[in-house]
Amino acid sequence: MIGRLNHVAIAVPDLEAATARYRDTLGAKVSEPLALPEHGVTTVFVELPNTKIELLHPLGEASPIAKFLERNNDGGIHHLCYEVDDIIAARDKLLEDGARVLGTGEPKIGAHGKPVLFLHPKDFTGTLVEIEQA
């Protein structure tokens, strides 16, 4: 069902500093910040030859990233994102197999302009999983 690893998301308390660290210290190509109000985050993507790193920063007080950073002051890995060919078929199979889809269960449009869903971390060995339609 899952395809390639699309990205690893890291919550960061200071988006500008984290972006500079990847760009200036590691020499990585980084995107411009992108605000996603419907997800409560601002993102920057670090482009790698085989995948991406998504730097996540809270956007607004209700941001799930703000809550994550309250528990993890220095930031840290927030989720893994895997590609799927058909997000509705993947969702239905996951639900059939007992996995919990977070939110309403209906895909939202993610940072890449494609439908995404999040899966409960307790169903995936403590890891928040995002699936994105390829």
N, C-alpha and C. Protein backbone atom coordinates (compact mmCIF):
# COMPACT_ATOMS: atom_id res chain seq x y z
N MET A 1 0.81 -1.19 0.00
CA MET A 1 0.00 0.00 0.00
C MET A 1 0.86 1.26 0.00
N ILE A 2 1.82 1.37 0.95
CA ILE A 2 2.60 2.61 0.99
C ILE A 2 3.69 2.58 -0.07
N GLY A 3 3.98 3.76 -0.55
CA GLY A 3 5.04 3.92 -1.53
C GLY A 3 6.27 4.49 -0.85
N ARG A 4 6.91 5.39 -1.55
CA ARG A 4 8.17 5.93 -1.04
C ARG A 4 7.93 6.89 0.13
N LEU A 5 8.98 7.07 0.91
CA LEU A 5 8.96 8.06 1.99
C LEU A 5 8.97 9.44 1.34
N ASN A 6 7.93 10.23 1.58
CA ASN A 6 7.85 11.55 0.99
C ASN A 6 8.67 12.55 1.79
N HIS A 7 8.50 12.53 3.13
CA HIS A 7 9.28 13.43 3.98
C HIS A 7 9.25 13.00 5.43
N VAL A 8 10.21 13.53 6.18
CA VAL A 8 10.25 13.43 7.63
C VAL A 8 10.01 14.85 8.13
N ALA A 9 9.01 15.01 9.00
CA ALA A 9 8.65 16.34 9.51
C ALA A 9 9.26 16.56 10.89
N ILE A 10 9.89 17.71 11.05
CA ILE A 10 10.52 18.08 12.31
C ILE A 10 9.89 19.38 12.80
N ALA A 11 9.33 19.35 14.00
CA ALA A 11 8.79 20.56 14.62
C ALA A 11 9.96 21.37 15.15
N VAL A 12 9.94 22.68 14.88
CA VAL A 12 11.05 23.55 15.30
C VAL A 12 10.50 24.78 16.02
N PRO A 13 11.17 25.19 17.11
CA PRO A 13 10.72 26.38 17.83
C PRO A 13 11.08 27.68 17.12
N ASP A 14 12.10 27.66 16.25
CA ASP A 14 12.55 28.85 15.53
C ASP A 14 12.77 28.46 14.07
N LEU A 15 11.79 28.77 13.23
CA LEU A 15 11.84 28.35 11.83
C LEU A 15 13.00 28.99 11.07
N GLU A 16 13.24 30.25 11.34
CA GLU A 16 14.32 30.96 10.65
C GLU A 16 15.69 30.35 10.99
N ALA A 17 15.90 30.07 12.26
CA ALA A 17 17.17 29.48 12.69
C ALA A 17 17.34 28.07 12.14
N ALA A 18 16.27 27.27 12.15
CA ALA A 18 16.35 25.90 11.63
C ALA A 18 16.61 25.91 10.13
N THR A 19 15.95 26.82 9.42
CA THR A 19 16.17 26.94 7.97
C THR A 19 17.61 27.32 7.68
N ALA A 20 18.14 28.28 8.43
CA ALA A 20 19.53 28.71 8.25
C ALA A 20 20.49 27.57 8.53
N ARG A 21 20.20 26.76 9.55
CA ARG A 21 21.09 25.64 9.90
C ARG A 21 21.19 24.67 8.72
N TYR A 22 20.05 24.29 8.15
CA TYR A 22 20.07 23.36 7.03
C TYR A 22 20.70 23.98 5.79
N ARG A 23 20.37 25.25 5.51
CA ARG A 23 20.88 25.92 4.31
C ARG A 23 22.35 26.27 4.44
N ASP A 24 22.72 26.93 5.53
CA ASP A 24 24.07 27.49 5.65
C ASP A 24 25.09 26.50 6.20
N THR A 25 24.68 25.65 7.14
CA THR A 25 25.61 24.72 7.75
C THR A 25 25.73 23.44 6.95
N LEU A 26 24.59 22.93 6.48
CA LEU A 26 24.60 21.66 5.73
C LEU A 26 24.61 21.86 4.22
N GLY A 27 24.41 23.09 3.76
CA GLY A 27 24.44 23.37 2.33
C GLY A 27 23.23 22.85 1.58
N ALA A 28 22.11 22.69 2.26
CA ALA A 28 20.91 22.13 1.63
C ALA A 28 20.12 23.21 0.90
N LYS A 29 19.38 22.77 -0.10
CA LYS A 29 18.44 23.64 -0.80
C LYS A 29 17.16 23.66 0.03
N VAL A 30 16.69 24.85 0.38
CA VAL A 30 15.48 24.98 1.20
C VAL A 30 14.46 25.86 0.47
N SER A 31 13.18 25.57 0.71
CA SER A 31 12.11 26.34 0.10
C SER A 31 11.85 27.61 0.90
N GLU A 32 11.04 28.46 0.34
CA GLU A 32 10.53 29.61 1.08
C GLU A 32 9.49 29.11 2.07
N PRO A 33 9.29 29.80 3.19
CA PRO A 33 8.24 29.40 4.13
C PRO A 33 6.86 29.45 3.47
N LEU A 34 6.02 28.49 3.82
CA LEU A 34 4.67 28.40 3.29
C LEU A 34 3.72 28.28 4.47
N ALA A 35 2.82 29.26 4.62
CA ALA A 35 1.82 29.22 5.69
C ALA A 35 0.65 28.36 5.25
N LEU A 36 0.25 27.44 6.13
CA LEU A 36 -0.90 26.56 5.88
C LEU A 36 -1.88 26.73 7.04
N PRO A 37 -2.71 27.77 7.00
CA PRO A 37 -3.61 28.05 8.12
C PRO A 37 -4.56 26.89 8.44
N GLU A 38 -4.99 26.14 7.44
CA GLU A 38 -5.92 25.03 7.69
C GLU A 38 -5.27 23.91 8.48
N HIS A 39 -3.94 23.86 8.51
CA HIS A 39 -3.21 22.87 9.29
C HIS A 39 -2.54 23.49 10.52
N GLY A 40 -2.58 24.82 10.63
CA GLY A 40 -2.00 25.49 11.78
C GLY A 40 -0.48 25.48 11.79
N VAL A 41 0.14 25.48 10.60
CA VAL A 41 1.60 25.42 10.53
C VAL A 41 2.14 26.31 9.43
N THR A 42 3.41 26.67 9.60
CA THR A 42 4.22 27.22 8.53
C THR A 42 5.30 26.19 8.26
N THR A 43 5.52 25.89 6.99
CA THR A 43 6.49 24.85 6.64
C THR A 43 7.60 25.40 5.75
N VAL A 44 8.74 24.76 5.87
CA VAL A 44 9.86 24.95 4.95
C VAL A 44 10.32 23.55 4.58
N PHE A 45 10.54 23.30 3.30
CA PHE A 45 11.00 21.99 2.87
C PHE A 45 12.49 22.05 2.54
N VAL A 46 13.21 21.08 3.08
CA VAL A 46 14.63 20.89 2.80
C VAL A 46 14.69 19.78 1.75
N GLU A 47 15.21 20.11 0.59
CA GLU A 47 15.25 19.15 -0.52
C GLU A 47 16.50 18.27 -0.41
N LEU A 48 16.29 16.96 -0.44
CA LEU A 48 17.38 15.99 -0.44
C LEU A 48 17.29 15.17 -1.72
N PRO A 49 18.35 14.48 -2.12
CA PRO A 49 18.29 13.71 -3.35
C PRO A 49 17.22 12.61 -3.34
N ASN A 50 16.93 12.04 -2.17
CA ASN A 50 16.01 10.90 -2.13
C ASN A 50 14.72 11.15 -1.35
N THR A 51 14.57 12.32 -0.70
CA THR A 51 13.36 12.64 0.06
C THR A 51 13.43 14.10 0.47
N LYS A 52 12.59 14.49 1.42
CA LYS A 52 12.59 15.86 1.93
C LYS A 52 12.52 15.83 3.46
N ILE A 53 12.97 16.91 4.06
CA ILE A 53 12.74 17.18 5.47
C ILE A 53 11.77 18.35 5.49
N GLU A 54 10.70 18.24 6.27
CA GLU A 54 9.75 19.33 6.42
C GLU A 54 9.96 19.95 7.80
N LEU A 55 10.31 21.22 7.83
CA LEU A 55 10.44 21.95 9.08
C LEU A 55 9.08 22.57 9.38
N LEU A 56 8.53 22.27 10.55
CA LEU A 56 7.19 22.72 10.93
C LEU A 56 7.29 23.73 12.07
N HIS A 57 6.57 24.82 11.93
CA HIS A 57 6.51 25.84 12.98
C HIS A 57 5.05 26.20 13.20
N PRO A 58 4.67 26.44 14.47
CA PRO A 58 3.26 26.75 14.74
C PRO A 58 2.77 28.00 14.02
N LEU A 59 1.54 27.94 13.57
CA LEU A 59 0.87 29.10 12.98
C LEU A 59 -0.45 29.25 13.74
N GLY A 60 -0.48 30.17 14.68
CA GLY A 60 -1.68 30.37 15.49
C GLY A 60 -1.62 29.58 16.79
N GLU A 61 -2.43 30.02 17.75
CA GLU A 61 -2.42 29.42 19.08
C GLU A 61 -2.96 28.00 19.11
N ALA A 62 -3.86 27.66 18.18
CA ALA A 62 -4.48 26.33 18.17
C ALA A 62 -3.65 25.31 17.39
N SER A 63 -2.46 25.69 16.97
CA SER A 63 -1.62 24.81 16.17
C SER A 63 -1.26 23.53 16.93
N PRO A 64 -1.39 22.37 16.28
CA PRO A 64 -0.94 21.14 16.93
C PRO A 64 0.58 21.15 17.16
N ILE A 65 1.29 21.92 16.38
CA ILE A 65 2.74 22.01 16.55
C ILE A 65 3.09 22.79 17.81
N ALA A 66 2.27 23.79 18.16
CA ALA A 66 2.50 24.53 19.41
C ALA A 66 2.39 23.59 20.60
N LYS A 67 1.40 22.71 20.56
CA LYS A 67 1.23 21.74 21.65
C LYS A 67 2.41 20.78 21.70
N PHE A 68 2.88 20.35 20.53
CA PHE A 68 4.04 19.45 20.46
C PHE A 68 5.26 20.14 21.07
N LEU A 69 5.48 21.41 20.73
CA LEU A 69 6.65 22.14 21.22
C LEU A 69 6.55 22.44 22.71
N GLU A 70 5.34 22.51 23.26
CA GLU A 70 5.20 22.67 24.72
C GLU A 70 5.80 21.46 25.43
N ARG A 71 5.63 20.29 24.85
CA ARG A 71 6.15 19.05 25.44
C ARG A 71 7.61 18.79 25.05
N ASN A 72 8.04 19.37 23.93
CA ASN A 72 9.38 19.15 23.39
C ASN A 72 9.98 20.51 23.04
N ASN A 73 10.49 21.21 24.04
CA ASN A 73 10.93 22.60 23.87
C ASN A 73 11.93 22.81 22.75
N ASP A 74 12.80 21.85 22.52
CA ASP A 74 13.83 21.99 21.49
C ASP A 74 13.35 21.53 20.11
N GLY A 75 12.13 21.03 20.03
CA GLY A 75 11.61 20.48 18.78
C GLY A 75 11.92 19.01 18.68
N GLY A 76 11.67 18.45 17.52
CA GLY A 76 11.96 17.04 17.29
C GLY A 76 11.12 16.48 16.16
N ILE A 77 11.35 15.21 15.87
CA ILE A 77 10.61 14.57 14.78
C ILE A 77 9.13 14.53 15.15
N HIS A 78 8.31 15.01 14.24
CA HIS A 78 6.87 15.08 14.47
C HIS A 78 6.13 13.94 13.77
N HIS A 79 6.44 13.70 12.49
CA HIS A 79 5.76 12.62 11.77
C HIS A 79 6.57 12.18 10.55
N LEU A 80 6.17 11.03 10.03
CA LEU A 80 6.71 10.50 8.77
C LEU A 80 5.59 10.54 7.74
N CYS A 81 5.90 10.88 6.51
CA CYS A 81 4.90 10.93 5.45
C CYS A 81 5.26 9.93 4.36
N TYR A 82 4.30 9.05 4.07
CA TYR A 82 4.46 8.05 3.01
C TYR A 82 3.48 8.36 1.88
N GLU A 83 3.89 8.06 0.67
CA GLU A 83 3.01 8.24 -0.48
C GLU A 83 2.14 7.01 -0.68
N VAL A 84 0.91 7.25 -1.14
CA VAL A 84 -0.01 6.18 -1.53
C VAL A 84 -0.58 6.55 -2.89
N ASP A 85 -0.94 5.53 -3.67
CA ASP A 85 -1.49 5.80 -5.01
C ASP A 85 -2.90 6.38 -4.94
N ASP A 86 -3.72 5.86 -4.03
CA ASP A 86 -5.12 6.26 -3.93
C ASP A 86 -5.44 6.45 -2.45
N ILE A 87 -5.57 7.69 -2.02
CA ILE A 87 -5.72 7.96 -0.59
C ILE A 87 -7.04 7.43 -0.03
N ILE A 88 -8.10 7.43 -0.82
CA ILE A 88 -9.39 6.93 -0.35
C ILE A 88 -9.33 5.41 -0.19
N ALA A 89 -8.76 4.72 -1.16
CA ALA A 89 -8.61 3.26 -1.04
C ALA A 89 -7.70 2.92 0.13
N ALA A 90 -6.62 3.69 0.32
CA ALA A 90 -5.71 3.45 1.44
C ALA A 90 -6.43 3.68 2.76
N ARG A 91 -7.19 4.77 2.86
CA ARG A 91 -7.94 5.05 4.09
C ARG A 91 -8.91 3.92 4.41
N ASP A 92 -9.66 3.49 3.39
CA ASP A 92 -10.65 2.44 3.62
C ASP A 92 -10.00 1.14 4.07
N LYS A 93 -8.85 0.80 3.48
CA LYS A 93 -8.13 -0.42 3.87
C LYS A 93 -7.60 -0.29 5.30
N LEU A 94 -7.06 0.87 5.63
CA LEU A 94 -6.54 1.10 6.98
C LEU A 94 -7.66 0.98 8.02
N LEU A 95 -8.80 1.60 7.73
CA LEU A 95 -9.94 1.52 8.66
C LEU A 95 -10.43 0.08 8.80
N GLU A 96 -10.49 -0.64 7.69
CA GLU A 96 -10.91 -2.05 7.69
C GLU A 96 -9.98 -2.89 8.57
N ASP A 97 -8.69 -2.51 8.57
CA ASP A 97 -7.70 -3.26 9.35
C ASP A 97 -7.56 -2.74 10.78
N GLY A 98 -8.41 -1.78 11.17
CA GLY A 98 -8.43 -1.33 12.56
C GLY A 98 -7.59 -0.11 12.87
N ALA A 99 -6.96 0.49 11.88
CA ALA A 99 -6.18 1.70 12.12
C ALA A 99 -7.13 2.88 12.30
N ARG A 100 -6.68 3.86 13.09
CA ARG A 100 -7.48 5.06 13.32
C ARG A 100 -6.96 6.21 12.48
N VAL A 101 -7.88 6.82 11.74
CA VAL A 101 -7.56 8.01 10.96
C VAL A 101 -7.96 9.21 11.81
N LEU A 102 -7.07 10.17 11.93
CA LEU A 102 -7.34 11.34 12.75
C LEU A 102 -8.24 12.34 12.02
N GLY A 103 -8.90 13.18 12.80
CA GLY A 103 -9.78 14.19 12.22
C GLY A 103 -11.08 13.58 11.75
N THR A 104 -11.63 14.15 10.70
CA THR A 104 -12.92 13.70 10.18
C THR A 104 -12.82 12.43 9.34
N GLY A 105 -11.61 12.07 8.97
CA GLY A 105 -11.43 10.94 8.07
C GLY A 105 -11.45 11.32 6.61
N GLU A 106 -11.76 12.58 6.35
CA GLU A 106 -11.73 13.09 4.97
C GLU A 106 -10.40 13.78 4.72
N PRO A 107 -9.78 13.51 3.58
CA PRO A 107 -8.48 14.13 3.28
C PRO A 107 -8.57 15.66 3.23
N LYS A 108 -7.48 16.28 3.67
CA LYS A 108 -7.27 17.72 3.51
C LYS A 108 -6.16 17.91 2.50
N ILE A 109 -6.08 19.09 1.95
CA ILE A 109 -5.00 19.38 1.01
C ILE A 109 -3.77 19.78 1.82
N GLY A 110 -2.65 19.10 1.57
CA GLY A 110 -1.42 19.34 2.30
C GLY A 110 -0.51 20.35 1.63
N ALA A 111 0.70 20.45 2.13
CA ALA A 111 1.67 21.45 1.67
C ALA A 111 2.08 21.27 0.22
N HIS A 112 1.94 20.06 -0.33
CA HIS A 112 2.29 19.83 -1.73
C HIS A 112 1.10 19.96 -2.66
N GLY A 113 -0.04 20.43 -2.11
CA GLY A 113 -1.24 20.58 -2.93
C GLY A 113 -1.94 19.27 -3.21
N LYS A 114 -1.63 18.23 -2.44
CA LYS A 114 -2.21 16.91 -2.64
C LYS A 114 -2.97 16.49 -1.38
N PRO A 115 -3.94 15.59 -1.52
CA PRO A 115 -4.71 15.13 -0.35
C PRO A 115 -3.83 14.36 0.64
N VAL A 116 -4.08 14.64 1.94
CA VAL A 116 -3.34 13.97 3.01
C VAL A 116 -4.29 13.55 4.12
N LEU A 117 -3.87 12.54 4.87
CA LEU A 117 -4.54 12.09 6.08
C LEU A 117 -3.47 11.75 7.11
N PHE A 118 -3.83 11.84 8.38
CA PHE A 118 -2.93 11.45 9.45
C PHE A 118 -3.49 10.24 10.18
N LEU A 119 -2.60 9.35 10.60
CA LEU A 119 -2.97 8.11 11.27
C LEU A 119 -2.50 8.16 12.72
N HIS A 120 -3.29 7.60 13.60
CA HIS A 120 -3.01 7.67 15.05
C HIS A 120 -1.67 7.02 15.38
N PRO A 121 -0.83 7.72 16.14
CA PRO A 121 0.50 7.17 16.47
C PRO A 121 0.45 5.87 17.27
N LYS A 122 -0.58 5.66 18.07
CA LYS A 122 -0.66 4.43 18.85
C LYS A 122 -0.86 3.20 17.97
N ASP A 123 -1.30 3.40 16.75
CA ASP A 123 -1.48 2.29 15.82
C ASP A 123 -0.21 1.99 15.02
N PHE A 124 0.81 2.86 15.13
CA PHE A 124 2.04 2.72 14.34
C PHE A 124 3.27 2.91 15.22
N THR A 125 3.35 2.10 16.25
CA THR A 125 4.49 2.04 17.18
C THR A 125 4.93 3.41 17.69
N GLY A 126 3.94 4.25 18.02
CA GLY A 126 4.23 5.54 18.61
C GLY A 126 4.62 6.62 17.63
N THR A 127 4.42 6.38 16.34
CA THR A 127 4.82 7.34 15.32
C THR A 127 3.59 7.89 14.60
N LEU A 128 3.45 9.21 14.59
CA LEU A 128 2.40 9.84 13.80
C LEU A 128 2.75 9.63 12.33
N VAL A 129 1.80 9.11 11.55
CA VAL A 129 2.03 8.83 10.15
C VAL A 129 1.09 9.68 9.32
N GLU A 130 1.64 10.30 8.30
CA GLU A 130 0.85 11.02 7.31
C GLU A 130 0.91 10.21 6.01
N ILE A 131 -0.24 10.08 5.36
CA ILE A 131 -0.22 9.50 4.02
C ILE A 131 -0.63 10.60 3.05
N GLU A 132 0.03 10.62 1.91
CA GLU A 132 -0.20 11.64 0.89
C GLU A 132 -0.41 10.95 -0.45
N GLN A 133 -1.44 11.37 -1.16
CA GLN A 133 -1.68 10.80 -2.48
C GLN A 133 -0.55 11.21 -3.42
N ALA A 134 0.05 10.24 -4.07
CA ALA A 134 1.18 10.50 -4.97
C ALA A 134 0.73 11.15 -6.26
